[in-house]
Amino acid sequence: MTNAARLGIRVLAVVTYAPSWASGHSGGGKYPPRNAVDYARFVNTVANRYGRNGVFWRSHPRLVPTPITAIELWNEPWLASFWGPAPDPAAYARLVRSAATAVKATRPGMRLLASGDVPEESAGVGKDWFVSALQADPELWRSDLVDAWSVHLYCHELSPTNSTATPRARFDRLLLTRDLAHQALADKPIWVTEFGWQTAPAPADAVSEELQAQYVREALVRLTTDWQSLVARSFVYTWTAPSLGDAYNLVRPDGSARPAWDAIRSFLVTGD
C-alpha cells in the first residue's frame, strides 16, 4: 500500500484463503476457514487499516492517502483449486454474510464484492454454483450488505465478440450473471475483476501477442459501450513481475511490453 500510494494506484483488495490454523488443513492448499467469524474479523481489520482514515494512513502522514474503497470477498470460490476440497455455495454465502455484516457495521461506505460467476462446468467446478449460492441466502443478496458481483471473464482463445460458442464459455457470460441475479431480485452492478488471454506457447487455447492485444482492446470497448450501464469496473489480467508468471502477462520475461500493453494505453487515451 505504501508503493501504491506513492504511485497513485488505487487497489481493489481481494481477501482470500485461510492459514492452516483457521482452515484445519496443514501442508498448504487453499481452503476456507472453519469459522466464518475468523474471516470476518480479518476482512474488517483490512478495511479499518487501509480504508478511508484508516490506521495505516494515520500512521504514515507523509503519504498521500489512496485508501481501499472496495473489497472482493474470496477468489473463485466456485473452483476446487481455490475452495478446497470442493466448492460449497452455502458455505460461501455464510462467509460473505459474516464478513459483510462486520464491515458494514463500522464502514458502511466500503463496497463489498461477492462472486457472481457462472463458470463452465468441468472438473473441480461447482455445478450451477451461482444459482445455488443465490438460493442459499436470498435475503443476503437482496440486501445492501453486498454492493456488486465480481466475475472473471476468461474465454479461452475465443474473441470477446464470439456469439456461437456455448454461452458459459463466452466473454458475454456476464449476461448470465445479470439474468440470474435479476431473477433472484438481487440486481447489482458487475465488476469484471479478471479478464485476459494467455500467450504462453504450451496451452491449446493460447493466442499470439498480436491477437491478445486485439482481443483486450475489443473487450475494453465492449465493456465500456455495450455494457456501460451494467459494468462498473474492469481489470485486465495481468500486469506483474515476469518472474511471477508469463502466461497472461502484459510484459515479456525480459520486461518489455507486449502489444496488449500499448493497446490498453491507446484505449485509455482514445476510447477505441
C-alpha atoms as a PDB file:
ATOM      1  CA  MET A   1       0.000   0.000   0.000  1.00  0.00           C
ATOM      2  CA  THR A   2       2.978   2.288   0.526  1.00  0.00           C
ATOM      3  CA  ASN A   3       4.109   1.741  -3.059  1.00  0.00           C
ATOM      4  CA  ALA A   4       0.563   2.053  -4.359  1.00  0.00           C
ATOM      5  CA  ALA A   5       0.168   5.401  -2.612  1.00  0.00           C
ATOM      6  CA  ARG A   6       3.487   6.673  -3.969  1.00  0.00           C
ATOM      7  CA  LEU A   7       2.447   5.697  -7.491  1.00  0.00           C
ATOM      8  CA  GLY A   8      -1.146   6.873  -7.181  1.00  0.00           C
ATOM      9  CA  ILE A   9      -2.538   3.385  -7.822  1.00  0.00           C
ATOM     10  CA  ARG A  10      -5.965   2.525  -6.438  1.00  0.00           C
ATOM     11  CA  VAL A  11      -6.216  -1.005  -5.055  1.00  0.00           C
ATOM     12  CA  LEU A  12      -9.085  -3.474  -5.069  1.00  0.00           C
ATOM     13  CA  ALA A  13      -8.352  -5.715  -2.096  1.00  0.00           C
ATOM     14  CA  VAL A  14      -9.041  -9.414  -2.601  1.00  0.00           C
ATOM     15  CA  VAL A  15      -9.271 -11.035   0.817  1.00  0.00           C
ATOM     16  CA  THR A  16      -8.854 -14.719   0.262  1.00  0.00           C
ATOM     17  CA  TYR A  17      -7.696 -18.127   1.553  1.00  0.00           C
ATOM     18  CA  ALA A  18      -7.124 -19.175   5.125  1.00  0.00           C
ATOM     19  CA  PRO A  19      -3.980 -20.197   7.028  1.00  0.00           C
ATOM     20  CA  SER A  20      -3.802 -23.756   8.272  1.00  0.00           C
ATOM     21  CA  TRP A  21      -4.737 -22.810  11.854  1.00  0.00           C
ATOM     22  CA  ALA A  22      -8.016 -21.384  10.579  1.00  0.00           C
ATOM     23  CA  SER A  23      -8.836 -23.956   7.899  1.00  0.00           C
ATOM     24  CA  GLY A  24      -7.700 -27.075   9.730  1.00  0.00           C
ATOM     25  CA  HIS A  25      -5.732 -28.188   6.650  1.00  0.00           C
ATOM     26  CA  SER A  26      -1.971 -28.343   7.031  1.00  0.00           C
ATOM     27  CA  GLY A  27       0.553 -28.505   4.247  1.00  0.00           C
ATOM     28  CA  GLY A  28      -0.700 -25.655   2.100  1.00  0.00           C
ATOM     29  CA  GLY A  29      -3.628 -25.534  -0.237  1.00  0.00           C
ATOM     30  CA  LYS A  30      -6.457 -23.057  -0.459  1.00  0.00           C
ATOM     31  CA  TYR A  31      -9.271 -23.841   1.945  1.00  0.00           C
ATOM     32  CA  PRO A  32     -11.979 -21.791   3.632  1.00  0.00           C
ATOM     33  CA  PRO A  33     -11.821 -21.176   7.381  1.00  0.00           C
ATOM     34  CA  ARG A  34     -13.752 -23.475   9.642  1.00  0.00           C
ATOM     35  CA  ASN A  35     -15.224 -20.452  11.407  1.00  0.00           C
ATOM     36  CA  ALA A  36     -16.631 -17.651   9.255  1.00  0.00           C
ATOM     37  CA  VAL A  37     -16.115 -15.228  12.156  1.00  0.00           C
ATOM     38  CA  ASP A  38     -12.334 -15.586  11.792  1.00  0.00           C
ATOM     39  CA  TYR A  39     -12.602 -14.450   8.177  1.00  0.00           C
ATOM     40  CA  ALA A  40     -14.973 -11.628   9.079  1.00  0.00           C
ATOM     41  CA  ARG A  41     -12.552 -10.377  11.710  1.00  0.00           C
ATOM     42  CA  PHE A  42      -9.703 -10.336   9.212  1.00  0.00           C
ATOM     43  CA  VAL A  43     -11.697  -8.575   6.476  1.00  0.00           C
ATOM     44  CA  ASN A  44     -12.811  -5.973   8.980  1.00  0.00           C
ATOM     45  CA  THR A  45      -9.205  -5.456  10.073  1.00  0.00           C
ATOM     46  CA  VAL A  46      -8.159  -4.880   6.452  1.00  0.00           C
ATOM     47  CA  ALA A  47     -10.977  -2.375   5.995  1.00  0.00           C
ATOM     48  CA  ASN A  48     -10.137  -0.498   9.184  1.00  0.00           C
ATOM     49  CA  ARG A  49      -6.422  -0.443   8.449  1.00  0.00           C
ATOM     50  CA  TYR A  50      -6.423   0.542   4.766  1.00  0.00           C
ATOM     51  CA  GLY A  51      -9.840   2.178   4.281  1.00  0.00           C
ATOM     52  CA  ARG A  52     -10.563   5.912   4.472  1.00  0.00           C
ATOM     53  CA  ASN A  53      -8.880   7.473   7.524  1.00  0.00           C
ATOM     54  CA  GLY A  54      -7.610   4.008   8.409  1.00  0.00           C
ATOM     55  CA  VAL A  55      -4.882   3.114  10.858  1.00  0.00           C
ATOM     56  CA  PHE A  56      -2.308   2.731   8.076  1.00  0.00           C
ATOM     57  CA  TRP A  57      -2.858   6.234   6.682  1.00  0.00           C
ATOM     58  CA  ARG A  58      -2.823   7.849  10.106  1.00  0.00           C
ATOM     59  CA  SER A  59       0.495   6.179  10.850  1.00  0.00           C
ATOM     60  CA  HIS A  60       2.005   7.308   7.507  1.00  0.00           C
ATOM     61  CA  PRO A  61       1.190  11.031   7.386  1.00  0.00           C
ATOM     62  CA  ARG A  62       3.727  11.731   4.633  1.00  0.00           C
ATOM     63  CA  LEU A  63       1.851   9.545   2.156  1.00  0.00           C
ATOM     64  CA  VAL A  64      -0.950  10.965   0.048  1.00  0.00           C
ATOM     65  CA  PRO A  65      -3.709   8.508   1.011  1.00  0.00           C
ATOM     66  CA  THR A  66      -5.094   6.194  -1.675  1.00  0.00           C
ATOM     67  CA  PRO A  67      -7.437   4.225   0.581  1.00  0.00           C
ATOM     68  CA  ILE A  68      -9.077   0.946  -0.287  1.00  0.00           C
ATOM     69  CA  THR A  69     -12.726   1.624  -1.087  1.00  0.00           C
ATOM     70  CA  ALA A  70     -13.723  -1.859  -2.280  1.00  0.00           C
ATOM     71  CA  ILE A  71     -13.036  -5.419  -1.146  1.00  0.00           C
ATOM     72  CA  GLU A  72     -13.630  -8.641  -3.078  1.00  0.00           C
ATOM     73  CA  LEU A  73     -14.650 -11.462  -0.777  1.00  0.00           C
ATOM     74  CA  TRP A  74     -12.598 -14.508  -1.780  1.00  0.00           C
ATOM     75  CA  ASN A  75     -11.220 -15.536  -5.159  1.00  0.00           C
ATOM     76  CA  GLU A  76     -13.110 -18.000  -7.370  1.00  0.00           C
ATOM     77  CA  PRO A  77     -14.943 -19.884  -4.612  1.00  0.00           C
ATOM     78  CA  TRP A  78     -16.659 -21.923  -7.322  1.00  0.00           C
ATOM     79  CA  LEU A  79     -13.396 -23.715  -8.126  1.00  0.00           C
ATOM     80  CA  ALA A  80     -11.926 -26.516  -6.014  1.00  0.00           C
ATOM     81  CA  SER A  81      -8.427 -25.120  -6.614  1.00  0.00           C
ATOM     82  CA  PHE A  82      -9.386 -22.089  -4.520  1.00  0.00           C
ATOM     83  CA  TRP A  83     -12.054 -23.539  -2.222  1.00  0.00           C
ATOM     84  CA  GLY A  84     -10.941 -26.964  -1.163  1.00  0.00           C
ATOM     85  CA  PRO A  85     -11.735 -29.720  -1.092  1.00  0.00           C
ATOM     86  CA  ALA A  86     -14.825 -28.857  -3.163  1.00  0.00           C
ATOM     87  CA  PRO A  87     -16.946 -25.757  -3.852  1.00  0.00           C
ATOM     88  CA  ASP A  88     -19.687 -25.134  -1.316  1.00  0.00           C
ATOM     89  CA  PRO A  89     -22.083 -22.305  -2.311  1.00  0.00           C
ATOM     90  CA  ALA A  90     -23.932 -22.333   1.009  1.00  0.00           C
ATOM     91  CA  ALA A  91     -20.679 -22.073   2.968  1.00  0.00           C
ATOM     92  CA  TYR A  92     -19.604 -19.201   0.743  1.00  0.00           C
ATOM     93  CA  ALA A  93     -22.859 -17.388   1.428  1.00  0.00           C
ATOM     94  CA  ARG A  94     -22.258 -17.774   5.168  1.00  0.00           C
ATOM     95  CA  LEU A  95     -18.740 -16.408   4.772  1.00  0.00           C
ATOM     96  CA  VAL A  96     -19.984 -13.389   2.834  1.00  0.00           C
ATOM     97  CA  ARG A  97     -22.766 -12.654   5.306  1.00  0.00           C
ATOM     98  CA  SER A  98     -20.392 -12.801   8.262  1.00  0.00           C
ATOM     99  CA  ALA A  99     -17.751 -10.580   6.650  1.00  0.00           C
ATOM    100  CA  ALA A 100     -20.191  -8.093   5.142  1.00  0.00           C
ATOM    101  CA  THR A 101     -22.097  -7.690   8.401  1.00  0.00           C
ATOM    102  CA  ALA A 102     -18.875  -6.945  10.266  1.00  0.00           C
ATOM    103  CA  VAL A 103     -17.530  -4.446   7.721  1.00  0.00           C
ATOM    104  CA  LYS A 104     -20.780  -2.588   7.071  1.00  0.00           C
ATOM    105  CA  ALA A 105     -21.291  -2.095  10.823  1.00  0.00           C
ATOM    106  CA  THR A 106     -18.222   0.148  11.001  1.00  0.00           C
ATOM    107  CA  ARG A 107     -17.633   1.160   7.373  1.00  0.00           C
ATOM    108  CA  PRO A 108     -20.954   1.321   5.535  1.00  0.00           C
ATOM    109  CA  GLY A 109     -19.316   3.086   2.592  1.00  0.00           C
ATOM    110  CA  MET A 110     -16.917   0.225   1.844  1.00  0.00           C
ATOM    111  CA  ARG A 111     -18.047  -1.519  -1.336  1.00  0.00           C
ATOM    112  CA  LEU A 112     -18.096  -5.291  -0.968  1.00  0.00           C
ATOM    113  CA  LEU A 113     -17.972  -7.653  -3.953  1.00  0.00           C
ATOM    114  CA  ALA A 114     -19.211 -11.238  -3.950  1.00  0.00           C
ATOM    115  CA  SER A 115     -18.520 -13.829  -6.614  1.00  0.00           C
ATOM    116  CA  GLY A 116     -21.252 -13.951  -9.229  1.00  0.00           C
ATOM    117  CA  ASP A 117     -19.530 -16.210 -11.719  1.00  0.00           C
ATOM    118  CA  VAL A 118     -21.442 -18.654 -13.899  1.00  0.00           C
ATOM    119  CA  PRO A 119     -18.446 -20.823 -14.802  1.00  0.00           C
ATOM    120  CA  GLU A 120     -18.088 -23.570 -17.336  1.00  0.00           C
ATOM    121  CA  GLU A 121     -18.897 -26.971 -15.917  1.00  0.00           C
ATOM    122  CA  SER A 122     -15.711 -29.006 -15.640  1.00  0.00           C
ATOM    123  CA  ALA A 123     -13.686 -30.968 -13.119  1.00  0.00           C
ATOM    124  CA  GLY A 124     -13.397 -29.038  -9.864  1.00  0.00           C
ATOM    125  CA  VAL A 125     -16.161 -26.570 -10.689  1.00  0.00           C
ATOM    126  CA  GLY A 126     -19.329 -26.464  -8.664  1.00  0.00           C
ATOM    127  CA  LYS A 127     -22.334 -27.330 -10.861  1.00  0.00           C
ATOM    128  CA  ASP A 128     -24.761 -24.396 -11.078  1.00  0.00           C
ATOM    129  CA  TRP A 129     -22.687 -22.706  -8.390  1.00  0.00           C
ATOM    130  CA  PHE A 130     -24.165 -19.219  -8.670  1.00  0.00           C
ATOM    131  CA  VAL A 131     -27.757 -20.438  -8.627  1.00  0.00           C
ATOM    132  CA  SER A 132     -27.026 -22.490  -5.507  1.00  0.00           C
ATOM    133  CA  ALA A 133     -25.328 -19.535  -3.812  1.00  0.00           C
ATOM    134  CA  LEU A 134     -28.307 -17.291  -4.564  1.00  0.00           C
ATOM    135  CA  GLN A 135     -30.702 -19.883  -3.154  1.00  0.00           C
ATOM    136  CA  ALA A 136     -28.616 -20.425  -0.028  1.00  0.00           C
ATOM    137  CA  ASP A 137     -29.336 -16.960   1.407  1.00  0.00           C
ATOM    138  CA  PRO A 138     -31.732 -14.920  -0.776  1.00  0.00           C
ATOM    139  CA  GLU A 139     -32.061 -12.068   1.709  1.00  0.00           C
ATOM    140  CA  LEU A 140     -28.292 -11.568   1.857  1.00  0.00           C
ATOM    141  CA  TRP A 141     -28.011 -10.977  -1.865  1.00  0.00           C
ATOM    142  CA  ARG A 142     -31.054  -8.694  -1.955  1.00  0.00           C
ATOM    143  CA  SER A 143     -29.668  -6.577   0.855  1.00  0.00           C
ATOM    144  CA  ASP A 144     -27.180  -3.706   0.852  1.00  0.00           C
ATOM    145  CA  LEU A 145     -24.559  -5.871   2.557  1.00  0.00           C
ATOM    146  CA  VAL A 146     -23.202  -6.780  -0.888  1.00  0.00           C
ATOM    147  CA  ASP A 147     -22.656  -3.957  -3.373  1.00  0.00           C
ATOM    148  CA  ALA A 148     -21.631  -5.725  -6.572  1.00  0.00           C
ATOM    149  CA  TRP A 149     -20.994  -9.029  -8.309  1.00  0.00           C
ATOM    150  CA  SER A 150     -17.461  -9.994  -9.276  1.00  0.00           C
ATOM    151  CA  VAL A 151     -16.954 -12.061 -12.431  1.00  0.00           C
ATOM    152  CA  HIS A 152     -13.911 -13.450 -14.239  1.00  0.00           C
ATOM    153  CA  LEU A 153     -14.409 -13.451 -17.989  1.00  0.00           C
ATOM    154  CA  TYR A 154     -11.878 -15.855 -19.437  1.00  0.00           C
ATOM    155  CA  CYS A 155     -12.982 -17.344 -22.736  1.00  0.00           C
ATOM    156  CA  HIS A 156     -10.051 -19.463 -23.899  1.00  0.00           C
ATOM    157  CA  GLU A 157      -8.936 -18.424 -27.393  1.00  0.00           C
ATOM    158  CA  LEU A 158     -12.339 -17.005 -28.315  1.00  0.00           C
ATOM    159  CA  SER A 159     -12.887 -13.420 -29.370  1.00  0.00           C
ATOM    160  CA  PRO A 160     -14.761 -11.214 -26.877  1.00  0.00           C
ATOM    161  CA  THR A 161     -17.433 -10.805 -29.553  1.00  0.00           C
ATOM    162  CA  ASN A 162     -17.936 -14.522 -30.165  1.00  0.00           C
ATOM    163  CA  SER A 163     -21.616 -15.493 -30.093  1.00  0.00           C
ATOM    164  CA  THR A 164     -21.514 -19.066 -31.416  1.00  0.00           C
ATOM    165  CA  ALA A 165     -19.746 -20.992 -28.641  1.00  0.00           C
ATOM    166  CA  THR A 166     -21.684 -22.332 -25.659  1.00  0.00           C
ATOM    167  CA  PRO A 167     -22.780 -19.347 -23.510  1.00  0.00           C
ATOM    168  CA  ARG A 168     -20.756 -20.355 -20.448  1.00  0.00           C
ATOM    169  CA  ALA A 169     -17.548 -20.379 -22.499  1.00  0.00           C
ATOM    170  CA  ARG A 170     -18.043 -16.921 -23.974  1.00  0.00           C
ATOM    171  CA  PHE A 171     -16.932 -13.482 -22.878  1.00  0.00           C
ATOM    172  CA  ASP A 172     -20.543 -12.309 -22.657  1.00  0.00           C
ATOM    173  CA  ARG A 173     -21.439 -14.797 -19.925  1.00  0.00           C
ATOM    174  CA  LEU A 174     -21.663 -11.852 -17.555  1.00  0.00           C
ATOM    175  CA  LEU A 175     -25.166 -11.581 -19.025  1.00  0.00           C
ATOM    176  CA  LEU A 176     -25.919 -14.945 -17.407  1.00  0.00           C
ATOM    177  CA  THR A 177     -24.882 -13.434 -14.086  1.00  0.00           C
ATOM    178  CA  ARG A 178     -27.103 -10.424 -14.731  1.00  0.00           C
ATOM    179  CA  ASP A 179     -30.108 -12.548 -15.633  1.00  0.00           C
ATOM    180  CA  LEU A 180     -29.789 -14.992 -12.730  1.00  0.00           C
ATOM    181  CA  ALA A 181     -29.299 -12.169 -10.240  1.00  0.00           C
ATOM    182  CA  HIS A 182     -32.339 -10.378 -11.656  1.00  0.00           C
ATOM    183  CA  GLN A 183     -34.467 -13.499 -11.279  1.00  0.00           C
ATOM    184  CA  ALA A 184     -33.359 -13.678  -7.640  1.00  0.00           C
ATOM    185  CA  LEU A 185     -34.224  -9.968  -7.115  1.00  0.00           C
ATOM    186  CA  ALA A 186     -30.526  -9.364  -6.478  1.00  0.00           C
ATOM    187  CA  ASP A 187     -29.652  -6.884  -9.202  1.00  0.00           C
ATOM    188  CA  LYS A 188     -26.250  -5.325  -8.618  1.00  0.00           C
ATOM    189  CA  PRO A 189     -23.506  -3.732 -10.724  1.00  0.00           C
ATOM    190  CA  ILE A 190     -20.915  -6.136 -12.138  1.00  0.00           C
ATOM    191  CA  TRP A 191     -17.190  -5.727 -11.660  1.00  0.00           C
ATOM    192  CA  VAL A 192     -15.120  -7.709 -14.146  1.00  0.00           C
ATOM    193  CA  THR A 193     -12.231  -8.285 -11.773  1.00  0.00           C
ATOM    194  CA  GLU A 194     -10.285 -10.502 -14.172  1.00  0.00           C
ATOM    195  CA  PHE A 195     -10.178 -10.980 -17.923  1.00  0.00           C
ATOM    196  CA  GLY A 196      -7.408 -11.706 -20.382  1.00  0.00           C
ATOM    197  CA  TRP A 197      -5.859 -14.012 -22.933  1.00  0.00           C
ATOM    198  CA  GLN A 198      -2.704 -16.030 -22.479  1.00  0.00           C
ATOM    199  CA  THR A 199       0.192 -16.045 -24.925  1.00  0.00           C
ATOM    200  CA  ALA A 200       2.271 -18.834 -23.383  1.00  0.00           C
ATOM    201  CA  PRO A 201       3.023 -21.366 -26.143  1.00  0.00           C
ATOM    202  CA  ALA A 202       2.050 -24.577 -24.346  1.00  0.00           C
ATOM    203  CA  PRO A 203      -1.724 -24.281 -23.692  1.00  0.00           C
ATOM    204  CA  ALA A 204      -4.040 -25.195 -26.543  1.00  0.00           C
ATOM    205  CA  ASP A 205      -6.047 -22.012 -26.012  1.00  0.00           C
ATOM    206  CA  ALA A 206      -3.092 -19.620 -26.163  1.00  0.00           C
ATOM    207  CA  VAL A 207      -3.152 -16.803 -28.696  1.00  0.00           C
ATOM    208  CA  SER A 208      -0.465 -14.726 -30.373  1.00  0.00           C
ATOM    209  CA  GLU A 209       0.698 -11.491 -28.785  1.00  0.00           C
ATOM    210  CA  GLU A 210      -0.972  -9.572 -31.602  1.00  0.00           C
ATOM    211  CA  LEU A 211      -4.284 -11.354 -31.046  1.00  0.00           C
ATOM    212  CA  GLN A 212      -4.022 -10.810 -27.292  1.00  0.00           C
ATOM    213  CA  ALA A 213      -3.741  -7.078 -27.962  1.00  0.00           C
ATOM    214  CA  GLN A 214      -6.681  -7.101 -30.371  1.00  0.00           C
ATOM    215  CA  TYR A 215      -8.911  -9.070 -28.007  1.00  0.00           C
ATOM    216  CA  VAL A 216      -8.066  -6.940 -24.971  1.00  0.00           C
ATOM    217  CA  ARG A 217      -8.911  -3.780 -26.904  1.00  0.00           C
ATOM    218  CA  GLU A 218     -12.156  -5.257 -28.249  1.00  0.00           C
ATOM    219  CA  ALA A 219     -13.095  -6.399 -24.746  1.00  0.00           C
ATOM    220  CA  LEU A 220     -12.492  -2.961 -23.255  1.00  0.00           C
ATOM    221  CA  VAL A 221     -14.575  -1.346 -25.962  1.00  0.00           C
ATOM    222  CA  ARG A 222     -17.417  -3.781 -25.350  1.00  0.00           C
ATOM    223  CA  LEU A 223     -17.267  -3.421 -21.567  1.00  0.00           C
ATOM    224  CA  THR A 224     -17.436   0.374 -21.760  1.00  0.00           C
ATOM    225  CA  THR A 225     -20.011   0.711 -24.524  1.00  0.00           C
ATOM    226  CA  ASP A 226     -22.353  -2.284 -24.888  1.00  0.00           C
ATOM    227  CA  TRP A 227     -22.376  -2.889 -21.121  1.00  0.00           C
ATOM    228  CA  GLN A 228     -21.688   0.598 -19.831  1.00  0.00           C
ATOM    229  CA  SER A 229     -24.796   0.608 -17.651  1.00  0.00           C
ATOM    230  CA  LEU A 230     -24.055  -2.847 -16.230  1.00  0.00           C
ATOM    231  CA  VAL A 231     -20.275  -2.985 -15.705  1.00  0.00           C
ATOM    232  CA  ALA A 232     -18.821  -0.655 -13.079  1.00  0.00           C
ATOM    233  CA  ARG A 233     -15.126  -1.633 -13.225  1.00  0.00           C
ATOM    234  CA  SER A 234     -12.887  -3.868 -15.351  1.00  0.00           C
ATOM    235  CA  PHE A 235      -9.434  -5.299 -14.606  1.00  0.00           C
ATOM    236  CA  VAL A 236      -7.129  -6.794 -17.228  1.00  0.00           C
ATOM    237  CA  TYR A 237      -5.233  -9.851 -16.019  1.00  0.00           C
ATOM    238  CA  THR A 238      -2.330  -9.439 -15.583  1.00  0.00           C
ATOM    239  CA  TRP A 239       0.483  -6.975 -15.101  1.00  0.00           C
ATOM    240  CA  THR A 240       3.085  -8.407 -12.765  1.00  0.00           C
ATOM    241  CA  ALA A 241       6.783  -9.130 -12.468  1.00  0.00           C
ATOM    242  CA  PRO A 242       7.759 -11.534 -15.292  1.00  0.00           C
ATOM    243  CA  SER A 243       9.193 -13.939 -12.737  1.00  0.00           C
ATOM    244  CA  LEU A 244       5.723 -14.329 -11.191  1.00  0.00           C
ATOM    245  CA  GLY A 245       4.026 -15.557 -14.322  1.00  0.00           C
ATOM    246  CA  ASP A 246       4.166 -15.181 -18.061  1.00  0.00           C
ATOM    247  CA  ALA A 247       1.002 -16.787 -19.433  1.00  0.00           C
ATOM    248  CA  TYR A 248      -1.318 -13.767 -19.281  1.00  0.00           C
ATOM    249  CA  ASN A 249       1.260 -11.101 -18.545  1.00  0.00           C
ATOM    250  CA  LEU A 250       1.224  -7.787 -20.375  1.00  0.00           C
ATOM    251  CA  VAL A 251       5.021  -7.770 -20.257  1.00  0.00           C
ATOM    252  CA  ARG A 252       7.507 -10.333 -21.543  1.00  0.00           C
ATOM    253  CA  PRO A 253      10.076 -12.189 -19.425  1.00  0.00           C
ATOM    254  CA  ASP A 254      12.689  -9.601 -20.424  1.00  0.00           C
ATOM    255  CA  GLY A 255      10.453  -6.820 -19.099  1.00  0.00           C
ATOM    256  CA  SER A 256       9.483  -5.377 -22.479  1.00  0.00           C
ATOM    257  CA  ALA A 257       5.854  -4.537 -23.141  1.00  0.00           C
ATOM    258  CA  ARG A 258       3.644  -6.816 -25.188  1.00  0.00           C
ATOM    259  CA  PRO A 259       1.364  -5.198 -27.803  1.00  0.00           C
ATOM    260  CA  ALA A 260      -1.569  -5.540 -25.377  1.00  0.00           C
ATOM    261  CA  TRP A 261       0.109  -3.015 -23.087  1.00  0.00           C
ATOM    262  CA  ASP A 262       0.149  -0.433 -25.850  1.00  0.00           C
ATOM    263  CA  ALA A 263      -3.427  -1.337 -26.818  1.00  0.00           C
ATOM    264  CA  ILE A 264      -4.574  -0.547 -23.290  1.00  0.00           C
ATOM    265  CA  ARG A 265      -2.686   2.747 -23.225  1.00  0.00           C
ATOM    266  CA  SER A 266      -4.189   3.707 -26.559  1.00  0.00           C
ATOM    267  CA  PHE A 267      -7.679   2.800 -25.347  1.00  0.00           C
ATOM    268  CA  LEU A 268      -7.303   4.956 -22.251  1.00  0.00           C
ATOM    269  CA  VAL A 269      -6.392   7.927 -24.437  1.00  0.00           C
ATOM    270  CA  THR A 270      -8.792   7.462 -27.362  1.00  0.00           C
ATOM    271  CA  GLY A 271     -11.520   5.147 -26.061  1.00  0.00           C
ATOM    272  CA  ASP A 272     -11.161   2.786 -29.020  1.00  0.00           C
END
